[in-house]
Amino acid sequence: MAAIEDANRDEFVMVGGAGSQQVMEAIKADDSVLKATVIYPSTQAADGIRLARLIVQGKALGDLVEVEVPRTVQLFAPVVTKENVDQYLPTAFES
């Protein structure tokens, strides 16, 4: 961001920040080239550990009919924009 601001560039849109509070506040203020970020929730690590534990124990997920953990699990990584930033700002981290 410093390089973009120092070069006085504003002809493009930037996406990034991974859930940083500063990035979300810039998105909310709508006064920079930062227009969106994608969040990779910290809960993903906890979910990964729990799934690994189930695999080692030879168990399945409690609410599924399958007898083992599915081979692929896609976790939600929301896109944060000016329209929904207030929903995700409380979960942001300070960088």
PDB file of N, CA and C in Angstrom:
ATOM      1  N   MET A   1       0.821  -1.181   0.000  1.00  0.00           N
ATOM      2  CA  MET A   1       0.000   0.000   0.000  1.00  0.00           C
ATOM      3  C   MET A   1       0.868   1.248   0.000  1.00  0.00           C
ATOM      4  N   ALA A   2       1.968   1.209   0.743  1.00  0.00           N
ATOM      5  CA  ALA A   2       2.838   2.389   0.789  1.00  0.00           C
ATOM      6  C   ALA A   2       3.383   2.713  -0.596  1.00  0.00           C
ATOM      7  N   ALA A   3       3.781   1.693  -1.335  1.00  0.00           N
ATOM      8  CA  ALA A   3       4.318   1.926  -2.679  1.00  0.00           C
ATOM      9  C   ALA A   3       3.248   2.495  -3.605  1.00  0.00           C
ATOM     10  N   ILE A   4       2.042   1.980  -3.490  1.00  0.00           N
ATOM     11  CA  ILE A   4       0.938   2.474  -4.319  1.00  0.00           C
ATOM     12  C   ILE A   4       0.639   3.932  -3.984  1.00  0.00           C
ATOM     13  N   GLU A   5       0.573   4.223  -2.693  1.00  0.00           N
ATOM     14  CA  GLU A   5       0.278   5.590  -2.275  1.00  0.00           C
ATOM     15  C   GLU A   5       1.413   6.544  -2.644  1.00  0.00           C
ATOM     16  N   ASP A   6       2.668   6.118  -2.445  1.00  0.00           N
ATOM     17  CA  ASP A   6       3.812   6.968  -2.797  1.00  0.00           C
ATOM     18  C   ASP A   6       3.858   7.266  -4.291  1.00  0.00           C
ATOM     19  N   ALA A   7       3.421   6.313  -5.109  1.00  0.00           N
ATOM     20  CA  ALA A   7       3.413   6.502  -6.565  1.00  0.00           C
ATOM     21  C   ALA A   7       2.166   7.252  -7.031  1.00  0.00           C
ATOM     22  N   ASN A   8       1.282   7.548  -6.079  1.00  0.00           N
ATOM     23  CA  ASN A   8       0.038   8.262  -6.378  1.00  0.00           C
ATOM     24  C   ASN A   8      -0.763   7.539  -7.469  1.00  0.00           C
ATOM     25  N   ARG A   9      -0.883   6.223  -7.320  1.00  0.00           N
ATOM     26  CA  ARG A   9      -1.597   5.395  -8.304  1.00  0.00           C
ATOM     27  C   ARG A   9      -2.991   5.087  -7.768  1.00  0.00           C
ATOM     28  N   ASP A  10      -3.976   5.153  -8.629  1.00  0.00           N
ATOM     29  CA  ASP A  10      -5.339   4.825  -8.219  1.00  0.00           C
ATOM     30  C   ASP A  10      -6.176   4.260  -9.362  1.00  0.00           C
ATOM     31  N   GLU A  11      -5.519   3.851 -10.433  1.00  0.00           N
ATOM     32  CA  GLU A  11      -6.258   3.399 -11.610  1.00  0.00           C
ATOM     33  C   GLU A  11      -6.589   1.911 -11.588  1.00  0.00           C
ATOM     34  N   PHE A  12      -6.367   1.244 -10.484  1.00  0.00           N
ATOM     35  CA  PHE A  12      -6.667  -0.184 -10.394  1.00  0.00           C
ATOM     36  C   PHE A  12      -7.302  -0.497  -9.056  1.00  0.00           C
ATOM     37  N   VAL A  13      -7.762  -1.720  -8.914  1.00  0.00           N
ATOM     38  CA  VAL A  13      -8.375  -2.193  -7.674  1.00  0.00           C
ATOM     39  C   VAL A  13      -7.446  -3.233  -7.058  1.00  0.00           C
ATOM     40  N   MET A  14      -7.271  -3.169  -5.751  1.00  0.00           N
ATOM     41  CA  MET A  14      -6.411  -4.124  -5.057  1.00  0.00           C
ATOM     42  C   MET A  14      -7.269  -4.981  -4.124  1.00  0.00           C
ATOM     43  N   VAL A  15      -6.989  -6.274  -4.111  1.00  0.00           N
ATOM     44  CA  VAL A  15      -7.670  -7.216  -3.229  1.00  0.00           C
ATOM     45  C   VAL A  15      -6.606  -7.903  -2.394  1.00  0.00           C
ATOM     46  N   GLY A  16      -6.784  -7.917  -1.089  1.00  0.00           N
ATOM     47  CA  GLY A  16      -5.816  -8.603  -0.237  1.00  0.00           C
ATOM     48  C   GLY A  16      -5.920  -8.169   1.195  1.00  0.00           C
ATOM     49  N   GLY A  17      -5.186  -8.833   2.052  1.00  0.00           N
ATOM     50  CA  GLY A  17      -5.165  -8.470   3.461  1.00  0.00           C
ATOM     51  C   GLY A  17      -5.480  -9.599   4.413  1.00  0.00           C
ATOM     52  N   ALA A  18      -6.128 -10.655   3.926  1.00  0.00           N
ATOM     53  CA  ALA A  18      -6.381 -11.879   4.693  1.00  0.00           C
ATOM     54  C   ALA A  18      -7.100 -11.658   6.022  1.00  0.00           C
ATOM     55  N   GLY A  19      -7.873 -10.602   6.126  1.00  0.00           N
ATOM     56  CA  GLY A  19      -8.644 -10.374   7.340  1.00  0.00           C
ATOM     57  C   GLY A  19      -8.035  -9.375   8.295  1.00  0.00           C
ATOM     58  N   SER A  20      -7.052  -8.620   7.844  1.00  0.00           N
ATOM     59  CA  SER A  20      -6.426  -7.599   8.671  1.00  0.00           C
ATOM     60  C   SER A  20      -7.430  -6.488   8.991  1.00  0.00           C
ATOM     61  N   GLN A  21      -7.427  -6.031  10.231  1.00  0.00           N
ATOM     62  CA  GLN A  21      -8.310  -4.946  10.657  1.00  0.00           C
ATOM     63  C   GLN A  21      -8.037  -3.673   9.859  1.00  0.00           C
ATOM     64  N   GLN A  22      -6.763  -3.366   9.636  1.00  0.00           N
ATOM     65  CA  GLN A  22      -6.414  -2.166   8.891  1.00  0.00           C
ATOM     66  C   GLN A  22      -6.955  -2.233   7.461  1.00  0.00           C
ATOM     67  N   VAL A  23      -6.867  -3.394   6.843  1.00  0.00           N
ATOM     68  CA  VAL A  23      -7.384  -3.558   5.485  1.00  0.00           C
ATOM     69  C   VAL A  23      -8.903  -3.410   5.489  1.00  0.00           C
ATOM     70  N   MET A  24      -9.566  -4.037   6.445  1.00  0.00           N
ATOM     71  CA  MET A  24     -11.022  -3.936   6.498  1.00  0.00           C
ATOM     72  C   MET A  24     -11.478  -2.498   6.732  1.00  0.00           C
ATOM     73  N   GLU A  25     -10.744  -1.764   7.566  1.00  0.00           N
ATOM     74  CA  GLU A  25     -11.099  -0.364   7.801  1.00  0.00           C
ATOM     75  C   GLU A  25     -10.891   0.463   6.525  1.00  0.00           C
ATOM     76  N   ALA A  26      -9.858   0.158   5.752  1.00  0.00           N
ATOM     77  CA  ALA A  26      -9.639   0.856   4.475  1.00  0.00           C
ATOM     78  C   ALA A  26     -10.761   0.530   3.485  1.00  0.00           C
ATOM     79  N   ILE A  27     -11.201  -0.716   3.477  1.00  0.00           N
ATOM     80  CA  ILE A  27     -12.318  -1.111   2.609  1.00  0.00           C
ATOM     81  C   ILE A  27     -13.585  -0.358   3.014  1.00  0.00           C
ATOM     82  N   LYS A  28     -13.824  -0.294   4.315  1.00  0.00           N
ATOM     83  CA  LYS A  28     -15.015   0.392   4.825  1.00  0.00           C
ATOM     84  C   LYS A  28     -14.979   1.883   4.491  1.00  0.00           C
ATOM     85  N   ALA A  29     -13.820   2.506   4.639  1.00  0.00           N
ATOM     86  CA  ALA A  29     -13.684   3.938   4.357  1.00  0.00           C
ATOM     87  C   ALA A  29     -13.825   4.236   2.869  1.00  0.00           C
ATOM     88  N   ASP A  30     -13.547   3.252   2.035  1.00  0.00           N
ATOM     89  CA  ASP A  30     -13.670   3.389   0.583  1.00  0.00           C
ATOM     90  C   ASP A  30     -12.867   4.574   0.042  1.00  0.00           C
ATOM     91  N   ASP A  31     -11.678   4.785   0.623  1.00  0.00           N
ATOM     92  CA  ASP A  31     -10.853   5.914   0.177  1.00  0.00           C
ATOM     93  C   ASP A  31      -9.479   5.465  -0.328  1.00  0.00           C
ATOM     94  N   SER A  32      -9.380   4.200  -0.711  1.00  0.00           N
ATOM     95  CA  SER A  32      -8.112   3.694  -1.240  1.00  0.00           C
ATOM     96  C   SER A  32      -8.393   2.710  -2.368  1.00  0.00           C
ATOM     97  N   VAL A  33      -7.331   2.191  -2.964  1.00  0.00           N
ATOM     98  CA  VAL A  33      -7.490   1.194  -4.029  1.00  0.00           C
ATOM     99  C   VAL A  33      -7.884  -0.170  -3.466  1.00  0.00           C
ATOM    100  N   LEU A  34      -7.796  -0.341  -2.140  1.00  0.00           N
ATOM    101  CA  LEU A  34      -8.214  -1.594  -1.503  1.00  0.00           C
ATOM    102  C   LEU A  34      -9.727  -1.684  -1.515  1.00  0.00           C
ATOM    103  N   LYS A  35     -10.269  -2.660  -2.211  1.00  0.00           N
ATOM    104  CA  LYS A  35     -11.717  -2.790  -2.338  1.00  0.00           C
ATOM    105  C   LYS A  35     -12.268  -4.077  -1.760  1.00  0.00           C
ATOM    106  N   ALA A  36     -11.403  -5.064  -1.514  1.00  0.00           N
ATOM    107  CA  ALA A  36     -11.885  -6.349  -0.996  1.00  0.00           C
ATOM    108  C   ALA A  36     -10.729  -7.136  -0.402  1.00  0.00           C
ATOM    109  N   THR A  37     -11.066  -8.091   0.438  1.00  0.00           N
ATOM    110  CA  THR A  37     -10.099  -9.029   0.983  1.00  0.00           C
ATOM    111  C   THR A  37     -10.773 -10.392   1.102  1.00  0.00           C
ATOM    112  N   VAL A  38      -9.991 -11.419   1.165  1.00  0.00           N
ATOM    113  CA  VAL A  38     -10.508 -12.769   1.363  1.00  0.00           C
ATOM    114  C   VAL A  38     -10.032 -13.227   2.731  1.00  0.00           C
ATOM    115  N   ILE A  39     -10.947 -13.723   3.516  1.00  0.00           N
ATOM    116  CA  ILE A  39     -10.628 -14.158   4.878  1.00  0.00           C
ATOM    117  C   ILE A  39     -10.399 -15.661   4.898  1.00  0.00           C
ATOM    118  N   TYR A  40      -9.329 -16.057   5.518  1.00  0.00           N
ATOM    119  CA  TYR A  40      -9.074 -17.463   5.795  1.00  0.00           C
ATOM    120  C   TYR A  40      -9.195 -17.611   7.305  1.00  0.00           C
ATOM    121  N   PRO A  41     -10.386 -17.966   7.797  1.00  0.00           N
ATOM    122  CA  PRO A  41     -10.644 -17.961   9.233  1.00  0.00           C
ATOM    123  C   PRO A  41      -9.662 -18.812  10.033  1.00  0.00           C
ATOM    124  N   SER A  42      -9.340 -18.323  11.216  1.00  0.00           N
ATOM    125  CA  SER A  42      -8.433 -19.054  12.099  1.00  0.00           C
ATOM    126  C   SER A  42      -9.020 -20.402  12.498  1.00  0.00           C
ATOM    127  N   THR A  43     -10.321 -20.539  12.379  1.00  0.00           N
ATOM    128  CA  THR A  43     -10.963 -21.803  12.741  1.00  0.00           C
ATOM    129  C   THR A  43     -10.599 -22.920  11.773  1.00  0.00           C
ATOM    130  N   GLN A  44     -10.062 -22.581  10.596  1.00  0.00           N
ATOM    131  CA  GLN A  44      -9.692 -23.616   9.637  1.00  0.00           C
ATOM    132  C   GLN A  44      -8.633 -24.551  10.217  1.00  0.00           C
ATOM    133  N   ALA A  45      -7.694 -24.012  10.955  1.00  0.00           N
ATOM    134  CA  ALA A  45      -6.657 -24.855  11.558  1.00  0.00           C
ATOM    135  C   ALA A  45      -7.280 -25.830  12.554  1.00  0.00           C
ATOM    136  N   ALA A  46      -8.186 -25.330  13.378  1.00  0.00           N
ATOM    137  CA  ALA A  46      -8.848 -26.199  14.359  1.00  0.00           C
ATOM    138  C   ALA A  46      -9.659 -27.283  13.665  1.00  0.00           C
ATOM    139  N   ASP A  47     -10.362 -26.909  12.585  1.00  0.00           N
ATOM    140  CA  ASP A  47     -11.130 -27.897  11.833  1.00  0.00           C
ATOM    141  C   ASP A  47     -10.215 -28.950  11.225  1.00  0.00           C
ATOM    142  N   GLY A  48      -9.070 -28.534  10.704  1.00  0.00           N
ATOM    143  CA  GLY A  48      -8.113 -29.477  10.125  1.00  0.00           C
ATOM    144  C   GLY A  48      -7.611 -30.475  11.145  1.00  0.00           C
ATOM    145  N   ILE A  49      -7.321 -30.003  12.336  1.00  0.00           N
ATOM    146  CA  ILE A  49      -6.841 -30.887  13.403  1.00  0.00           C
ATOM    147  C   ILE A  49      -7.935 -31.877  13.797  1.00  0.00           C
ATOM    148  N   ARG A  50      -9.149 -31.408  13.917  1.00  0.00           N
ATOM    149  CA  ARG A  50     -10.253 -32.309  14.289  1.00  0.00           C
ATOM    150  C   ARG A  50     -10.509 -33.361  13.211  1.00  0.00           C
ATOM    151  N   LEU A  51     -10.440 -32.945  11.951  1.00  0.00           N
ATOM    152  CA  LEU A  51     -10.623 -33.914  10.865  1.00  0.00           C
ATOM    153  C   LEU A  51      -9.496 -34.949  10.861  1.00  0.00           C
ATOM    154  N   ALA A  52      -8.260 -34.496  11.083  1.00  0.00           N
ATOM    155  CA  ALA A  52      -7.119 -35.418  11.132  1.00  0.00           C
ATOM    156  C   ALA A  52      -7.297 -36.425  12.274  1.00  0.00           C
ATOM    157  N   ARG A  53      -7.783 -35.949  13.411  1.00  0.00           N
ATOM    158  CA  ARG A  53      -8.008 -36.839  14.551  1.00  0.00           C
ATOM    159  C   ARG A  53      -9.043 -37.911  14.202  1.00  0.00           C
ATOM    160  N   LEU A  54     -10.115 -37.508  13.524  1.00  0.00           N
ATOM    161  CA  LEU A  54     -11.138 -38.479  13.121  1.00  0.00           C
ATOM    162  C   LEU A  54     -10.562 -39.516  12.166  1.00  0.00           C
ATOM    163  N   ILE A  55      -9.725 -39.071  11.240  1.00  0.00           N
ATOM    164  CA  ILE A  55      -9.116 -40.005  10.278  1.00  0.00           C
ATOM    165  C   ILE A  55      -8.252 -41.023  11.008  1.00  0.00           C
ATOM    166  N   VAL A  56      -7.415 -40.558  11.937  1.00  0.00           N
ATOM    167  CA  VAL A  56      -6.528 -41.455  12.693  1.00  0.00           C
ATOM    168  C   VAL A  56      -7.351 -42.443  13.520  1.00  0.00           C
ATOM    169  N   GLN A  57      -8.467 -41.990  14.052  1.00  0.00           N
ATOM    170  CA  GLN A  57      -9.316 -42.851  14.872  1.00  0.00           C
ATOM    171  C   GLN A  57     -10.233 -43.747  14.027  1.00  0.00           C
ATOM    172  N   GLY A  58     -10.199 -43.552  12.704  1.00  0.00           N
ATOM    173  CA  GLY A  58     -11.050 -44.359  11.832  1.00  0.00           C
ATOM    174  C   GLY A  58     -12.518 -44.023  11.967  1.00  0.00           C
ATOM    175  N   LYS A  59     -12.825 -42.793  12.319  1.00  0.00           N
ATOM    176  CA  LYS A  59     -14.210 -42.375  12.521  1.00  0.00           C
ATOM    177  C   LYS A  59     -14.675 -41.489  11.367  1.00  0.00           C
ATOM    178  N   ALA A  60     -15.967 -41.178  11.384  1.00  0.00           N
ATOM    179  CA  ALA A  60     -16.568 -40.279  10.392  1.00  0.00           C
ATOM    180  C   ALA A  60     -17.042 -39.010  11.090  1.00  0.00           C
ATOM    181  N   LEU A  61     -17.605 -38.116  10.304  1.00  0.00           N
ATOM    182  CA  LEU A  61     -18.233 -36.929  10.872  1.00  0.00           C
ATOM    183  C   LEU A  61     -19.600 -37.324  11.405  1.00  0.00           C
ATOM    184  N   GLY A  62     -19.935 -36.865  12.574  1.00  0.00           N
ATOM    185  CA  GLY A  62     -21.148 -37.301  13.259  1.00  0.00           C
ATOM    186  C   GLY A  62     -22.442 -37.182  12.492  1.00  0.00           C
ATOM    187  N   ASP A  63     -22.611 -36.152  11.680  1.00  0.00           N
ATOM    188  CA  ASP A  63     -23.878 -35.929  11.002  1.00  0.00           C
ATOM    189  C   ASP A  63     -23.928 -36.522   9.596  1.00  0.00           C
ATOM    190  N   LEU A  64     -22.860 -37.164   9.160  1.00  0.00           N
ATOM    191  CA  LEU A  64     -22.833 -37.743   7.819  1.00  0.00           C
ATOM    192  C   LEU A  64     -23.131 -39.236   7.880  1.00  0.00           C
ATOM    193  N   VAL A  65     -23.652 -39.765   6.784  1.00  0.00           N
ATOM    194  CA  VAL A  65     -23.941 -41.190   6.694  1.00  0.00           C
ATOM    195  C   VAL A  65     -22.676 -41.967   6.333  1.00  0.00           C
ATOM    196  N   GLU A  66     -21.715 -41.294   5.694  1.00  0.00           N
ATOM    197  CA  GLU A  66     -20.471 -41.958   5.293  1.00  0.00           C
ATOM    198  C   GLU A  66     -19.772 -42.578   6.496  1.00  0.00           C
ATOM    199  N   VAL A  67     -18.991 -43.625   6.234  1.00  0.00           N
ATOM    200  CA  VAL A  67     -18.312 -44.326   7.322  1.00  0.00           C
ATOM    201  C   VAL A  67     -16.920 -43.760   7.606  1.00  0.00           C
ATOM    202  N   GLU A  68     -16.496 -42.790   6.824  1.00  0.00           N
ATOM    203  CA  GLU A  68     -15.195 -42.168   7.072  1.00  0.00           C
ATOM    204  C   GLU A  68     -15.260 -40.689   6.690  1.00  0.00           C
ATOM    205  N   VAL A  69     -14.221 -39.965   7.037  1.00  0.00           N
ATOM    206  CA  VAL A  69     -14.145 -38.544   6.715  1.00  0.00           C
ATOM    207  C   VAL A  69     -14.031 -38.387   5.199  1.00  0.00           C
ATOM    208  N   PRO A  70     -14.797 -37.477   4.603  1.00  0.00           N
ATOM    209  CA  PRO A  70     -14.694 -37.277   3.150  1.00  0.00           C
ATOM    210  C   PRO A  70     -13.264 -36.938   2.744  1.00  0.00           C
ATOM    211  N   ARG A  71     -12.885 -37.362   1.551  1.00  0.00           N
ATOM    212  CA  ARG A  71     -11.519 -37.138   1.059  1.00  0.00           C
ATOM    213  C   ARG A  71     -11.214 -35.653   0.890  1.00  0.00           C
ATOM    214  N   THR A  72     -12.200 -34.866   0.491  1.00  0.00           N
ATOM    215  CA  THR A  72     -12.010 -33.431   0.286  1.00  0.00           C
ATOM    216  C   THR A  72     -13.029 -32.661   1.106  1.00  0.00           C
ATOM    217  N   VAL A  73     -12.555 -31.672   1.838  1.00  0.00           N
ATOM    218  CA  VAL A  73     -13.432 -30.782   2.598  1.00  0.00           C
ATOM    219  C   VAL A  73     -13.037 -29.360   2.231  1.00  0.00           C
ATOM    220  N   GLN A  74     -13.968 -28.600   1.695  1.00  0.00           N
ATOM    221  CA  GLN A  74     -13.695 -27.219   1.309  1.00  0.00           C
ATOM    222  C   GLN A  74     -14.304 -26.308   2.364  1.00  0.00           C
ATOM    223  N   LEU A  75     -13.455 -25.530   3.019  1.00  0.00           N
ATOM    224  CA  LEU A  75     -13.923 -24.621   4.053  1.00  0.00           C
ATOM    225  C   LEU A  75     -14.227 -23.260   3.439  1.00  0.00           C
ATOM    226  N   PHE A  76     -15.140 -22.551   4.029  1.00  0.00           N
ATOM    227  CA  PHE A  76     -15.601 -21.262   3.523  1.00  0.00           C
ATOM    228  C   PHE A  76     -14.537 -20.184   3.756  1.00  0.00           C
ATOM    229  N   ALA A  77     -14.225 -19.435   2.729  1.00  0.00           N
ATOM    230  CA  ALA A  77     -13.302 -18.303   2.801  1.00  0.00           C
ATOM    231  C   ALA A  77     -14.020 -17.099   2.191  1.00  0.00           C
ATOM    232  N   PRO A  78     -14.738 -16.341   3.015  1.00  0.00           N
ATOM    233  CA  PRO A  78     -15.574 -15.271   2.476  1.00  0.00           C
ATOM    234  C   PRO A  78     -14.777 -14.106   1.883  1.00  0.00           C
ATOM    235  N   VAL A  79     -15.390 -13.469   0.883  1.00  0.00           N
ATOM    236  CA  VAL A  79     -14.846 -12.249   0.294  1.00  0.00           C
ATOM    237  C   VAL A  79     -15.496 -11.082   1.029  1.00  0.00           C
ATOM    238  N   VAL A  80     -14.667 -10.195   1.568  1.00  0.00           N
ATOM    239  CA  VAL A  80     -15.157  -9.039   2.305  1.00  0.00           C
ATOM    240  C   VAL A  80     -15.083  -7.808   1.408  1.00  0.00           C
ATOM    241  N   THR A  81     -16.207  -7.130   1.278  1.00  0.00           N
ATOM    242  CA  THR A  81     -16.303  -5.908   0.482  1.00  0.00           C
ATOM    243  C   THR A  81     -16.930  -4.801   1.335  1.00  0.00           C
ATOM    244  N   LYS A  82     -17.068  -3.627   0.766  1.00  0.00           N
ATOM    245  CA  LYS A  82     -17.690  -2.515   1.484  1.00  0.00           C
ATOM    246  C   LYS A  82     -19.105  -2.882   1.943  1.00  0.00           C
ATOM    247  N   GLU A  83     -19.788  -3.694   1.148  1.00  0.00           N
ATOM    248  CA  GLU A  83     -21.168  -4.060   1.472  1.00  0.00           C
ATOM    249  C   GLU A  83     -21.296  -4.971   2.700  1.00  0.00           C
ATOM    250  N   ASN A  84     -20.284  -5.792   2.996  1.00  0.00           N
ATOM    251  CA  ASN A  84     -20.418  -6.724   4.124  1.00  0.00           C
ATOM    252  C   ASN A  84     -19.306  -6.599   5.161  1.00  0.00           C
ATOM    253  N   VAL A  85     -18.479  -5.579   5.059  1.00  0.00           N
ATOM    254  CA  VAL A  85     -17.319  -5.455   5.950  1.00  0.00           C
ATOM    255  C   VAL A  85     -17.719  -5.394   7.423  1.00  0.00           C
ATOM    256  N   ASP A  86     -18.847  -4.768   7.744  1.00  0.00           N
ATOM    257  CA  ASP A  86     -19.266  -4.674   9.153  1.00  0.00           C
ATOM    258  C   ASP A  86     -19.530  -6.043   9.763  1.00  0.00           C
ATOM    259  N   GLN A  87     -19.927  -6.989   8.954  1.00  0.00           N
ATOM    260  CA  GLN A  87     -20.174  -8.356   9.440  1.00  0.00           C
ATOM    261  C   GLN A  87     -18.879  -9.034   9.878  1.00  0.00           C
ATOM    262  N   TYR A  88     -17.770  -8.745   9.178  1.00  0.00           N
ATOM    263  CA  TYR A  88     -16.518  -9.453   9.430  1.00  0.00           C
ATOM    264  C   TYR A  88     -15.500  -8.654  10.239  1.00  0.00           C
ATOM    265  N   LEU A  89     -15.690  -7.364  10.367  1.00  0.00           N
ATOM    266  CA  LEU A  89     -14.739  -6.521  11.101  1.00  0.00           C
ATOM    267  C   LEU A  89     -14.491  -6.991  12.539  1.00  0.00           C
ATOM    268  N   PRO A  90     -15.507  -7.462  13.263  1.00  0.00           N
ATOM    269  CA  PRO A  90     -15.244  -7.933  14.636  1.00  0.00           C
ATOM    270  C   PRO A  90     -14.277  -9.122  14.714  1.00  0.00           C
ATOM    271  N   THR A  91     -14.112  -9.868  13.629  1.00  0.00           N
ATOM    272  CA  THR A  91     -13.212 -11.025  13.649  1.00  0.00           C
ATOM    273  C   THR A  91     -11.823 -10.697  13.093  1.00  0.00           C
ATOM    274  N   ALA A  92     -11.608  -9.435  12.723  1.00  0.00           N
ATOM    275  CA  ALA A  92     -10.331  -9.026  12.109  1.00  0.00           C
ATOM    276  C   ALA A  92      -9.202  -9.054  13.134  1.00  0.00           C
ATOM    277  N   PHE A  93      -7.991  -9.205  12.632  1.00  0.00           N
ATOM    278  CA  PHE A  93      -6.808  -9.156  13.483  1.00  0.00           C
ATOM    279  C   PHE A  93      -6.032  -7.874  13.182  1.00  0.00           C
ATOM    280  N   GLU A  94      -5.329  -7.376  14.189  1.00  0.00           N
ATOM    281  CA  GLU A  94      -4.532  -6.169  13.993  1.00  0.00           C
ATOM    282  C   GLU A  94      -3.148  -6.559  13.499  1.00  0.00           C
ATOM    283  N   SER A  95      -2.739  -5.925  12.406  1.00  0.00           N
ATOM    284  CA  SER A  95      -1.422  -6.263  11.850  1.00  0.00           C
ATOM    285  C   SER A  95      -0.460  -5.099  11.978  1.00  0.00           C
TER     286      SER A  95
END
